[in-house]
């Protein structure tokens, strides 16, 4: 019976260790996605700003390309 209890405790400890590793993996995954989003914003920022400025001009009736 004692051996069974020790095995169960060891299994619970192993599970807890895996949870910590999973949290770190998810944290790294979120950091990677955030880095991709920031990179996309820097790369496409000018294009998006231009599109909004052109759209604003069309709404105001100032745009020549509407």
PDB file of N, CA and C in Angstrom:
ATOM      1  N   UNK A   1       0.813  -1.194   0.000  1.00  0.00           N
ATOM      2  CA  UNK A   1       0.000   0.000   0.000  1.00  0.00           C
ATOM      3  C   UNK A   1       0.861   1.264   0.000  1.00  0.00           C
ATOM      4  N   UNK A   2       1.931   1.240   0.776  1.00  0.00           N
ATOM      5  CA  UNK A   2       2.818   2.395   0.834  1.00  0.00           C
ATOM      6  C   UNK A   2       3.477   2.647  -0.519  1.00  0.00           C
ATOM      7  N   UNK A   3       3.846   1.578  -1.201  1.00  0.00           N
ATOM      8  CA  UNK A   3       4.467   1.726  -2.524  1.00  0.00           C
ATOM      9  C   UNK A   3       3.491   2.369  -3.511  1.00  0.00           C
ATOM     10  N   UNK A   4       2.222   1.973  -3.436  1.00  0.00           N
ATOM     11  CA  UNK A   4       1.194   2.549  -4.298  1.00  0.00           C
ATOM     12  C   UNK A   4       1.041   4.041  -4.026  1.00  0.00           C
ATOM     13  N   UNK A   5       1.027   4.412  -2.732  1.00  0.00           N
ATOM     14  CA  UNK A   5       0.896   5.814  -2.355  1.00  0.00           C
ATOM     15  C   UNK A   5       2.088   6.630  -2.857  1.00  0.00           C
ATOM     16  N   UNK A   6       3.272   6.089  -2.723  1.00  0.00           N
ATOM     17  CA  UNK A   6       4.481   6.777  -3.199  1.00  0.00           C
ATOM     18  C   UNK A   6       4.439   6.951  -4.721  1.00  0.00           C
ATOM     19  N   UNK A   7       3.930   5.951  -5.421  1.00  0.00           N
ATOM     20  CA  UNK A   7       3.798   6.037  -6.874  1.00  0.00           C
ATOM     21  C   UNK A   7       2.806   7.118  -7.262  1.00  0.00           C
ATOM     22  N   UNK A   8       1.699   7.213  -6.536  1.00  0.00           N
ATOM     23  CA  UNK A   8       0.693   8.234  -6.814  1.00  0.00           C
ATOM     24  C   UNK A   8       1.254   9.639  -6.571  1.00  0.00           C
ATOM     25  N   UNK A   9       1.994   9.812  -5.494  1.00  0.00           N
ATOM     26  CA  UNK A   9       2.596  11.115  -5.186  1.00  0.00           C
ATOM     27  C   UNK A   9       3.604  11.492  -6.259  1.00  0.00           C
ATOM     28  N   UNK A  10       4.401  10.543  -6.693  1.00  0.00           N
ATOM     29  CA  UNK A  10       5.374  10.808  -7.743  1.00  0.00           C
ATOM     30  C   UNK A  10       4.678  11.203  -9.042  1.00  0.00           C
ATOM     31  N   UNK A  11       3.555  10.573  -9.337  1.00  0.00           N
ATOM     32  CA  UNK A  11       2.785  10.921 -10.535  1.00  0.00           C
ATOM     33  C   UNK A  11       2.235  12.333 -10.460  1.00  0.00           C
ATOM     34  N   UNK A  12       1.741  12.725  -9.287  1.00  0.00           N
ATOM     35  CA  UNK A  12       1.222  14.084  -9.106  1.00  0.00           C
ATOM     36  C   UNK A  12       2.331  15.117  -9.256  1.00  0.00           C
ATOM     37  N   UNK A  13       3.499  14.830  -8.714  1.00  0.00           N
ATOM     38  CA  UNK A  13       4.638  15.751  -8.845  1.00  0.00           C
ATOM     39  C   UNK A  13       5.048  15.896 -10.302  1.00  0.00           C
ATOM     40  N   UNK A  14       5.054  14.817 -11.026  1.00  0.00           N
ATOM     41  CA  UNK A  14       5.421  14.871 -12.444  1.00  0.00           C
ATOM     42  C   UNK A  14       4.412  15.715 -13.214  1.00  0.00           C
ATOM     43  N   UNK A  15       3.132  15.588 -12.873  1.00  0.00           N
ATOM     44  CA  UNK A  15       2.096  16.389 -13.520  1.00  0.00           C
ATOM     45  C   UNK A  15       2.305  17.872 -13.261  1.00  0.00           C
ATOM     46  N   UNK A  16       2.645  18.203 -12.030  1.00  0.00           N
ATOM     47  CA  UNK A  16       2.869  19.599 -11.668  1.00  0.00           C
ATOM     48  C   UNK A  16       4.067  20.166 -12.413  1.00  0.00           C
ATOM     49  N   UNK A  17       5.108  19.366 -12.583  1.00  0.00           N
ATOM     50  CA  UNK A  17       6.277  19.813 -13.338  1.00  0.00           C
ATOM     51  C   UNK A  17       5.912  20.076 -14.784  1.00  0.00           C
ATOM     52  N   UNK A  18       5.061  19.250 -15.357  1.00  0.00           N
ATOM     53  CA  UNK A  18       4.639  19.431 -16.746  1.00  0.00           C
ATOM     54  C   UNK A  18       3.805  20.694 -16.907  1.00  0.00           C
ATOM     55  N   UNK A  19       3.002  21.035 -15.899  1.00  0.00           N
ATOM     56  CA  UNK A  19       2.203  22.256 -15.968  1.00  0.00           C
ATOM     57  C   UNK A  19       3.103  23.476 -16.049  1.00  0.00           C
ATOM     58  N   UNK A  20       4.171  23.479 -15.265  1.00  0.00           N
ATOM     59  CA  UNK A  20       5.115  24.594 -15.311  1.00  0.00           C
ATOM     60  C   UNK A  20       5.779  24.698 -16.667  1.00  0.00           C
ATOM     61  N   UNK A  21       6.157  23.573 -17.236  1.00  0.00           N
ATOM     62  CA  UNK A  21       6.772  23.576 -18.557  1.00  0.00           C
ATOM     63  C   UNK A  21       5.782  24.046 -19.614  1.00  0.00           C
ATOM     64  N   UNK A  22       4.529  23.637 -19.489  1.00  0.00           N
ATOM     65  CA  UNK A  22       3.510  24.060 -20.449  1.00  0.00           C
ATOM     66  C   UNK A  22       3.288  25.567 -20.365  1.00  0.00           C
ATOM     67  N   UNK A  23       3.295  26.108 -19.149  1.00  0.00           N
ATOM     68  CA  UNK A  23       3.109  27.550 -18.985  1.00  0.00           C
ATOM     69  C   UNK A  23       4.237  28.315 -19.661  1.00  0.00           C
ATOM     70  N   UNK A  24       5.449  27.821 -19.528  1.00  0.00           N
ATOM     71  CA  UNK A  24       6.591  28.467 -20.176  1.00  0.00           C
ATOM     72  C   UNK A  24       6.455  28.376 -21.691  1.00  0.00           C
ATOM     73  N   UNK A  25       6.046  27.233 -22.182  1.00  0.00           N
ATOM     74  CA  UNK A  25       5.871  27.065 -23.629  1.00  0.00           C
ATOM     75  C   UNK A  25       4.796  28.005 -24.157  1.00  0.00           C
ATOM     76  N   UNK A  26       3.675  28.118 -23.446  1.00  0.00           N
ATOM     77  CA  UNK A  26       2.620  29.035 -23.873  1.00  0.00           C
ATOM     78  C   UNK A  26       3.105  30.479 -23.825  1.00  0.00           C
ATOM     79  N   UNK A  27       3.883  30.818 -22.818  1.00  0.00           N
ATOM     80  CA  UNK A  27       4.444  32.170 -22.721  1.00  0.00           C
ATOM     81  C   UNK A  27       5.336  32.483 -23.898  1.00  0.00           C
ATOM     82  N   UNK A  28       6.173  31.536 -24.284  1.00  0.00           N
ATOM     83  CA  UNK A  28       7.041  31.736 -25.447  1.00  0.00           C
ATOM     84  C   UNK A  28       6.230  31.853 -26.732  1.00  0.00           C
ATOM     85  N   UNK A  29       5.174  31.071 -26.826  1.00  0.00           N
ATOM     86  CA  UNK A  29       4.313  31.129 -28.000  1.00  0.00           C
ATOM     87  C   UNK A  29       3.635  32.496 -28.103  1.00  0.00           C
ATOM     88  N   UNK A  30       3.132  33.000 -26.987  1.00  0.00           N
ATOM     89  CA  UNK A  30       2.491  34.318 -26.979  1.00  0.00           C
ATOM     90  C   UNK A  30       3.502  35.399 -27.320  1.00  0.00           C
ATOM     91  N   UNK A  31       4.714  35.304 -26.792  1.00  0.00           N
ATOM     92  CA  UNK A  31       5.756  36.281 -27.104  1.00  0.00           C
ATOM     93  C   UNK A  31       6.102  36.256 -28.585  1.00  0.00           C
ATOM     94  N   UNK A  32       6.167  35.076 -29.179  1.00  0.00           N
ATOM     95  CA  UNK A  32       6.448  34.970 -30.610  1.00  0.00           C
ATOM     96  C   UNK A  32       5.350  35.582 -31.466  1.00  0.00           C
ATOM     97  N   UNK A  33       4.104  35.323 -31.092  1.00  0.00           N
ATOM     98  CA  UNK A  33       2.979  35.903 -31.837  1.00  0.00           C
ATOM     99  C   UNK A  33       2.983  37.418 -31.702  1.00  0.00           C
ATOM    100  N   UNK A  34       3.266  37.913 -30.491  1.00  0.00           N
ATOM    101  CA  UNK A  34       3.331  39.360 -30.284  1.00  0.00           C
ATOM    102  C   UNK A  34       4.429  39.982 -31.142  1.00  0.00           C
ATOM    103  N   UNK A  35       5.563  39.314 -31.242  1.00  0.00           N
ATOM    104  CA  UNK A  35       6.655  39.821 -32.071  1.00  0.00           C
ATOM    105  C   UNK A  35       6.243  39.872 -33.546  1.00  0.00           C
ATOM    106  N   UNK A  36       5.504  38.870 -34.011  1.00  0.00           N
ATOM    107  CA  UNK A  36       5.020  38.879 -35.386  1.00  0.00           C
ATOM    108  C   UNK A  36       4.038  40.022 -35.632  1.00  0.00           C
ATOM    109  N   UNK A  37       3.159  40.272 -34.671  1.00  0.00           N
ATOM    110  CA  UNK A  37       2.187  41.360 -34.809  1.00  0.00           C
ATOM    111  C   UNK A  37       2.906  42.706 -34.863  1.00  0.00           C
ATOM    112  N   UNK A  38       3.877  42.904 -33.979  1.00  0.00           N
ATOM    113  CA  UNK A  38       4.638  44.160 -33.973  1.00  0.00           C
ATOM    114  C   UNK A  38       5.383  44.324 -35.293  1.00  0.00           C
ATOM    115  N   UNK A  39       5.984  43.268 -35.780  1.00  0.00           N
ATOM    116  CA  UNK A  39       6.679  43.332 -37.071  1.00  0.00           C
ATOM    117  C   UNK A  39       5.747  43.672 -38.217  1.00  0.00           C
ATOM    118  N   UNK A  40       4.566  43.081 -38.215  1.00  0.00           N
ATOM    119  CA  UNK A  40       3.586  43.367 -39.266  1.00  0.00           C
ATOM    120  C   UNK A  40       3.126  44.813 -39.207  1.00  0.00           C
ATOM    121  N   UNK A  41       2.938  45.329 -37.993  1.00  0.00           N
ATOM    122  CA  UNK A  41       2.519  46.729 -37.853  1.00  0.00           C
ATOM    123  C   UNK A  41       3.598  47.656 -38.401  1.00  0.00           C
ATOM    124  N   UNK A  42       4.846  47.384 -38.102  1.00  0.00           N
ATOM    125  CA  UNK A  42       5.923  48.231 -38.621  1.00  0.00           C
ATOM    126  C   UNK A  42       6.037  48.126 -40.139  1.00  0.00           C
ATOM    127  N   UNK A  43       5.864  46.930 -40.672  1.00  0.00           N
ATOM    128  CA  UNK A  43       5.993  46.754 -42.119  1.00  0.00           C
ATOM    129  C   UNK A  43       4.808  47.341 -42.882  1.00  0.00           C
ATOM    130  N   UNK A  44       3.610  47.185 -42.352  1.00  0.00           N
ATOM    131  CA  UNK A  44       2.408  47.613 -43.068  1.00  0.00           C
ATOM    132  C   UNK A  44       1.836  48.935 -42.557  1.00  0.00           C
ATOM    133  N   UNK A  45       2.474  49.537 -41.569  1.00  0.00           N
ATOM    134  CA  UNK A  45       1.951  50.750 -40.958  1.00  0.00           C
ATOM    135  C   UNK A  45       1.737  51.873 -41.960  1.00  0.00           C
ATOM    136  N   UNK A  46       2.702  52.113 -42.824  1.00  0.00           N
ATOM    137  CA  UNK A  46       2.583  53.180 -43.812  1.00  0.00           C
ATOM    138  C   UNK A  46       1.461  52.929 -44.802  1.00  0.00           C
ATOM    139  N   UNK A  47       1.312  51.711 -45.232  1.00  0.00           N
ATOM    140  CA  UNK A  47       0.258  51.348 -46.179  1.00  0.00           C
ATOM    141  C   UNK A  47      -1.121  51.536 -45.557  1.00  0.00           C
ATOM    142  N   UNK A  48      -1.264  51.111 -44.317  1.00  0.00           N
ATOM    143  CA  UNK A  48      -2.548  51.232 -43.629  1.00  0.00           C
ATOM    144  C   UNK A  48      -2.872  52.705 -43.388  1.00  0.00           C
ATOM    145  N   UNK A  49      -1.883  53.481 -42.972  1.00  0.00           N
ATOM    146  CA  UNK A  49      -2.094  54.917 -42.754  1.00  0.00           C
ATOM    147  C   UNK A  49      -2.522  55.597 -44.043  1.00  0.00           C
ATOM    148  N   UNK A  50      -1.868  55.245 -45.128  1.00  0.00           N
ATOM    149  CA  UNK A  50      -2.214  55.821 -46.431  1.00  0.00           C
ATOM    150  C   UNK A  50      -3.641  55.464 -46.829  1.00  0.00           C
ATOM    151  N   UNK A  51      -4.031  54.227 -46.609  1.00  0.00           N
ATOM    152  CA  UNK A  51      -5.389  53.797 -46.957  1.00  0.00           C
ATOM    153  C   UNK A  51      -6.426  54.544 -46.136  1.00  0.00           C
ATOM    154  N   UNK A  52      -6.172  54.732 -44.846  1.00  0.00           N
ATOM    155  CA  UNK A  52      -7.119  55.466 -44.009  1.00  0.00           C
ATOM    156  C   UNK A  52      -7.177  56.938 -44.408  1.00  0.00           C
ATOM    157  N   UNK A  53      -6.035  57.523 -44.737  1.00  0.00           N
ATOM    158  CA  UNK A  53      -6.005  58.925 -45.152  1.00  0.00           C
ATOM    159  C   UNK A  53      -6.776  59.115 -46.455  1.00  0.00           C
ATOM    160  N   UNK A  54      -6.597  58.196 -47.381  1.00  0.00           N
ATOM    161  CA  UNK A  54      -7.322  58.265 -48.654  1.00  0.00           C
ATOM    162  C   UNK A  54      -8.825  58.090 -48.435  1.00  0.00           C
ATOM    163  N   UNK A  55      -9.188  57.172 -47.580  1.00  0.00           N
ATOM    164  CA  UNK A  55     -10.603  56.948 -47.277  1.00  0.00           C
ATOM    165  C   UNK A  55     -11.213  58.170 -46.607  1.00  0.00           C
ATOM    166  N   UNK A  56     -10.468  58.780 -45.702  1.00  0.00           N
ATOM    167  CA  UNK A  56     -10.943  59.986 -45.026  1.00  0.00           C
ATOM    168  C   UNK A  56     -11.165  61.110 -46.043  1.00  0.00           C
ATOM    169  N   UNK A  57     -10.253  61.235 -46.990  1.00  0.00           N
ATOM    170  CA  UNK A  57     -10.399  62.253 -48.032  1.00  0.00           C
ATOM    171  C   UNK A  57     -11.628  62.014 -48.886  1.00  0.00           C
ATOM    172  N   UNK A  58     -11.900  60.762 -49.199  1.00  0.00           N
ATOM    173  CA  UNK A  58     -13.078  60.430 -49.997  1.00  0.00           C
ATOM    174  C   UNK A  58     -14.368  60.749 -49.241  1.00  0.00           C
ATOM    175  N   UNK A  59     -14.363  60.474 -47.941  1.00  0.00           N
ATOM    176  CA  UNK A  59     -15.550  60.748 -47.138  1.00  0.00           C
ATOM    177  C   UNK A  59     -15.797  62.260 -47.060  1.00  0.00           C
ATOM    178  N   UNK A  60     -14.727  63.025 -46.924  1.00  0.00           N
ATOM    179  CA  UNK A  60     -14.855  64.479 -46.844  1.00  0.00           C
ATOM    180  C   UNK A  60     -15.093  65.118 -48.209  1.00  0.00           C
ATOM    181  N   UNK A  61     -14.906  64.347 -49.271  1.00  0.00           N
ATOM    182  CA  UNK A  61     -15.090  64.870 -50.620  1.00  0.00           C
ATOM    183  C   UNK A  61     -13.876  65.571 -51.165  1.00  0.00           C
ATOM    184  N   UNK A  62     -12.712  65.343 -50.548  1.00  0.00           N
ATOM    185  CA  UNK A  62     -11.479  65.992 -50.975  1.00  0.00           C
ATOM    186  C   UNK A  62     -10.620  65.102 -51.858  1.00  0.00           C
ATOM    187  N   UNK A  63     -10.923  63.822 -51.928  1.00  0.00           N
ATOM    188  CA  UNK A  63     -10.074  62.903 -52.654  1.00  0.00           C
ATOM    189  C   UNK A  63     -10.290  62.947 -54.148  1.00  0.00           C
ATOM    190  N   UNK A  64      -9.210  62.898 -54.893  1.00  0.00           N
ATOM    191  CA  UNK A  64      -9.315  62.913 -56.351  1.00  0.00           C
ATOM    192  C   UNK A  64      -9.479  61.492 -56.917  1.00  0.00           C
ATOM    193  N   UNK A  65      -9.115  60.474 -56.125  1.00  0.00           N
ATOM    194  CA  UNK A  65      -9.139  59.099 -56.636  1.00  0.00           C
ATOM    195  C   UNK A  65     -10.339  58.307 -56.141  1.00  0.00           C
ATOM    196  N   UNK A  66     -11.409  58.962 -55.772  1.00  0.00           N
ATOM    197  CA  UNK A  66     -12.578  58.254 -55.230  1.00  0.00           C
ATOM    198  C   UNK A  66     -13.432  57.691 -56.337  1.00  0.00           C
TER     199      UNK A  66
END
